[in-house]
Amino acid sequence: MSQGDSGDHPVTKVLRTVTPPSRAHSDSEMNTIGVAVFLGLLVLLVPLLPFLIIAWVISKLTDELAGRAPIGEE
C-alpha cells in the first residue's frame, strides 16, 4: 500500500475463479441429516433423563446435608 492510501476504499477487484457463481439455495440434504442426528440423540438421551434427574437430586441433597453438618466442633 502507498502512504497516501487510507485503506477505506471498497474492494473493486473481482476474484477470478474456475467454478461458476451459484445462487443461494436451501440445503435440504444437510437439513435432513441435522434432523436425523437430533432425533438420534433424542432417542438416546431421553431414556437417560430419569437417571440424570436422580443423580442431580442426590447431589443437591448431599450438598444440603454437608452444609448442615457441624464443622470443627469437638
N, C-alpha and C. Protein backbone atom coordinates (compact mmCIF):
# COMPACT_ATOMS: atom_id res chain seq x y z
N MET A 1 0.84 -1.18 0.00
CA MET A 1 0.00 0.00 0.00
C MET A 1 0.89 1.24 0.00
N SER A 2 0.43 2.26 -0.65
CA SER A 2 1.19 3.50 -0.66
C SER A 2 0.87 4.31 0.59
N GLN A 3 1.66 5.32 0.84
CA GLN A 3 1.46 6.13 2.04
C GLN A 3 0.19 6.95 1.97
N GLY A 4 -0.24 7.35 0.79
CA GLY A 4 -1.44 8.17 0.65
C GLY A 4 -2.72 7.35 0.69
N ASP A 5 -2.62 6.03 0.65
CA ASP A 5 -3.80 5.17 0.63
C ASP A 5 -4.28 4.94 2.06
N SER A 6 -5.52 5.31 2.35
CA SER A 6 -6.03 5.18 3.71
C SER A 6 -6.59 3.80 4.00
N GLY A 7 -6.92 3.02 2.98
CA GLY A 7 -7.43 1.67 3.21
C GLY A 7 -8.92 1.61 3.43
N ASP A 8 -9.64 2.72 3.26
CA ASP A 8 -11.08 2.74 3.50
C ASP A 8 -11.89 2.57 2.22
N HIS A 9 -11.25 2.29 1.11
CA HIS A 9 -11.95 2.17 -0.17
C HIS A 9 -12.55 0.78 -0.30
N PRO A 10 -13.73 0.67 -0.93
CA PRO A 10 -14.31 -0.67 -1.14
C PRO A 10 -13.47 -1.46 -2.14
N VAL A 11 -13.58 -2.75 -2.05
CA VAL A 11 -12.83 -3.63 -2.94
C VAL A 11 -13.47 -3.59 -4.32
N THR A 12 -12.69 -3.33 -5.33
CA THR A 12 -13.22 -3.28 -6.70
C THR A 12 -12.69 -4.40 -7.57
N LYS A 13 -11.69 -5.13 -7.12
CA LYS A 13 -11.12 -6.21 -7.90
C LYS A 13 -11.97 -7.46 -7.74
N VAL A 14 -12.31 -8.09 -8.86
CA VAL A 14 -13.12 -9.30 -8.84
C VAL A 14 -12.20 -10.50 -8.70
N LEU A 15 -12.58 -11.42 -7.85
CA LEU A 15 -11.79 -12.63 -7.64
C LEU A 15 -12.04 -13.59 -8.80
N ARG A 16 -11.00 -14.02 -9.44
CA ARG A 16 -11.14 -14.96 -10.55
C ARG A 16 -11.24 -16.37 -9.99
N THR A 17 -12.21 -17.13 -10.50
CA THR A 17 -12.43 -18.48 -10.02
C THR A 17 -12.76 -19.40 -11.18
N VAL A 18 -12.57 -20.68 -11.00
CA VAL A 18 -12.84 -21.66 -12.04
C VAL A 18 -14.31 -22.05 -12.05
N THR A 19 -14.92 -22.08 -10.88
CA THR A 19 -16.31 -22.52 -10.77
C THR A 19 -17.25 -21.37 -11.10
N PRO A 20 -18.38 -21.68 -11.71
CA PRO A 20 -19.34 -20.61 -12.00
C PRO A 20 -20.02 -20.16 -10.71
N PRO A 21 -20.45 -18.91 -10.65
CA PRO A 21 -21.13 -18.43 -9.44
C PRO A 21 -22.46 -19.16 -9.26
N SER A 22 -22.81 -19.41 -8.02
CA SER A 22 -24.08 -20.09 -7.74
C SER A 22 -24.97 -19.17 -6.93
N ARG A 23 -26.26 -19.36 -7.11
CA ARG A 23 -27.23 -18.58 -6.35
C ARG A 23 -27.46 -19.24 -4.99
N ALA A 24 -27.96 -18.48 -4.07
CA ALA A 24 -28.27 -19.03 -2.74
C ALA A 24 -29.45 -19.99 -2.87
N HIS A 25 -29.33 -21.12 -2.22
CA HIS A 25 -30.40 -22.11 -2.24
C HIS A 25 -30.42 -22.83 -0.90
N SER A 26 -31.56 -23.44 -0.60
CA SER A 26 -31.65 -24.17 0.66
C SER A 26 -30.90 -25.50 0.51
N ASP A 27 -30.34 -25.93 1.60
CA ASP A 27 -29.57 -27.16 1.60
C ASP A 27 -30.39 -28.23 2.31
N SER A 28 -31.36 -28.77 1.60
CA SER A 28 -32.31 -29.70 2.22
C SER A 28 -31.65 -31.00 2.65
N GLU A 29 -30.59 -31.43 1.96
CA GLU A 29 -29.92 -32.67 2.36
C GLU A 29 -29.28 -32.51 3.73
N MET A 30 -28.62 -31.39 3.96
CA MET A 30 -27.99 -31.17 5.26
C MET A 30 -29.05 -30.95 6.34
N ASN A 31 -30.17 -30.35 5.99
CA ASN A 31 -31.25 -30.20 6.96
C ASN A 31 -31.78 -31.56 7.38
N THR A 32 -31.90 -32.47 6.42
CA THR A 32 -32.37 -33.83 6.72
C THR A 32 -31.38 -34.55 7.64
N ILE A 33 -30.10 -34.41 7.36
CA ILE A 33 -29.08 -35.05 8.20
C ILE A 33 -29.11 -34.45 9.60
N GLY A 34 -29.27 -33.14 9.71
CA GLY A 34 -29.35 -32.49 11.02
C GLY A 34 -30.54 -32.96 11.83
N VAL A 35 -31.68 -33.10 11.18
CA VAL A 35 -32.87 -33.60 11.87
C VAL A 35 -32.66 -35.05 12.30
N ALA A 36 -32.03 -35.86 11.46
CA ALA A 36 -31.78 -37.26 11.82
C ALA A 36 -30.83 -37.37 13.01
N VAL A 37 -29.79 -36.54 13.04
CA VAL A 37 -28.86 -36.56 14.18
C VAL A 37 -29.58 -36.12 15.45
N PHE A 38 -30.42 -35.08 15.35
CA PHE A 38 -31.17 -34.62 16.51
C PHE A 38 -32.10 -35.71 17.03
N LEU A 39 -32.81 -36.37 16.14
CA LEU A 39 -33.72 -37.44 16.58
C LEU A 39 -32.95 -38.61 17.18
N GLY A 40 -31.78 -38.93 16.62
CA GLY A 40 -30.96 -40.00 17.20
C GLY A 40 -30.50 -39.67 18.60
N LEU A 41 -30.06 -38.43 18.81
CA LEU A 41 -29.66 -38.01 20.16
C LEU A 41 -30.85 -38.01 21.11
N LEU A 42 -31.99 -37.60 20.61
CA LEU A 42 -33.19 -37.59 21.44
C LEU A 42 -33.55 -39.00 21.89
N VAL A 43 -33.49 -39.95 20.97
CA VAL A 43 -33.80 -41.35 21.30
C VAL A 43 -32.81 -41.90 22.31
N LEU A 44 -31.54 -41.49 22.22
CA LEU A 44 -30.53 -41.99 23.15
C LEU A 44 -30.60 -41.32 24.52
N LEU A 45 -30.89 -40.03 24.56
CA LEU A 45 -30.79 -39.29 25.81
C LEU A 45 -32.07 -39.26 26.63
N VAL A 46 -33.23 -39.38 26.01
CA VAL A 46 -34.47 -39.34 26.79
C VAL A 46 -34.56 -40.49 27.78
N PRO A 47 -34.17 -41.73 27.43
CA PRO A 47 -34.19 -42.79 28.44
C PRO A 47 -33.22 -42.54 29.60
N LEU A 48 -32.17 -41.76 29.38
CA LEU A 48 -31.21 -41.48 30.45
C LEU A 48 -31.66 -40.34 31.35
N LEU A 49 -32.67 -39.61 30.94
CA LEU A 49 -33.12 -38.44 31.69
C LEU A 49 -33.52 -38.76 33.13
N PRO A 50 -34.28 -39.83 33.43
CA PRO A 50 -34.59 -40.12 34.84
C PRO A 50 -33.35 -40.35 35.70
N PHE A 51 -32.34 -41.02 35.15
CA PHE A 51 -31.11 -41.26 35.91
C PHE A 51 -30.36 -39.96 36.16
N LEU A 52 -30.35 -39.06 35.18
CA LEU A 52 -29.71 -37.76 35.37
C LEU A 52 -30.43 -36.94 36.43
N ILE A 53 -31.74 -37.01 36.45
CA ILE A 53 -32.52 -36.28 37.46
C ILE A 53 -32.24 -36.84 38.84
N ILE A 54 -32.19 -38.17 38.96
CA ILE A 54 -31.91 -38.80 40.25
C ILE A 54 -30.52 -38.41 40.74
N ALA A 55 -29.53 -38.43 39.86
CA ALA A 55 -28.17 -38.04 40.25
C ALA A 55 -28.13 -36.57 40.68
N TRP A 56 -28.87 -35.70 40.00
CA TRP A 56 -28.91 -34.28 40.36
C TRP A 56 -29.55 -34.09 41.73
N VAL A 57 -30.65 -34.81 42.00
CA VAL A 57 -31.33 -34.69 43.29
C VAL A 57 -30.42 -35.20 44.41
N ILE A 58 -29.74 -36.31 44.19
CA ILE A 58 -28.83 -36.84 45.21
C ILE A 58 -27.70 -35.86 45.49
N SER A 59 -27.16 -35.23 44.45
CA SER A 59 -26.08 -34.27 44.68
C SER A 59 -26.58 -33.05 45.45
N LYS A 60 -27.80 -32.60 45.17
CA LYS A 60 -28.36 -31.46 45.91
C LYS A 60 -28.61 -31.84 47.37
N LEU A 61 -29.09 -33.05 47.61
CA LEU A 61 -29.34 -33.50 48.98
C LEU A 61 -28.03 -33.63 49.76
N THR A 62 -27.00 -34.19 49.15
CA THR A 62 -25.73 -34.32 49.85
C THR A 62 -25.09 -32.95 50.11
N ASP A 63 -25.24 -32.01 49.19
CA ASP A 63 -24.74 -30.65 49.43
C ASP A 63 -25.47 -30.01 50.60
N GLU A 64 -26.77 -30.20 50.67
CA GLU A 64 -27.56 -29.62 51.76
C GLU A 64 -27.19 -30.26 53.10
N LEU A 65 -27.04 -31.58 53.12
CA LEU A 65 -26.67 -32.26 54.36
C LEU A 65 -25.25 -31.90 54.78
N ALA A 66 -24.35 -31.72 53.85
CA ALA A 66 -22.99 -31.33 54.19
C ALA A 66 -22.96 -29.91 54.73
N GLY A 67 -23.85 -29.06 54.29
CA GLY A 67 -23.92 -27.70 54.80
C GLY A 67 -24.45 -27.64 56.22
N ARG A 68 -25.28 -28.59 56.60
CA ARG A 68 -25.85 -28.61 57.95
C ARG A 68 -24.94 -29.29 58.96
N ALA A 69 -23.98 -30.07 58.51
CA ALA A 69 -23.11 -30.81 59.42
C ALA A 69 -22.23 -29.84 60.19
N PRO A 70 -22.04 -30.10 61.49
CA PRO A 70 -21.16 -29.23 62.28
C PRO A 70 -19.71 -29.42 61.84
N ILE A 71 -19.02 -28.33 61.67
CA ILE A 71 -17.64 -28.38 61.22
C ILE A 71 -16.74 -27.87 62.35
N GLY A 72 -15.78 -28.69 62.75
CA GLY A 72 -14.77 -28.27 63.72
C GLY A 72 -15.24 -28.27 65.17
N GLU A 73 -16.43 -28.74 65.47
CA GLU A 73 -16.89 -28.80 66.87
C GLU A 73 -16.39 -30.10 67.48
N GLU A 74 -15.82 -29.98 68.69
CA GLU A 74 -15.30 -31.17 69.36
C GLU A 74 -15.98 -31.36 70.68
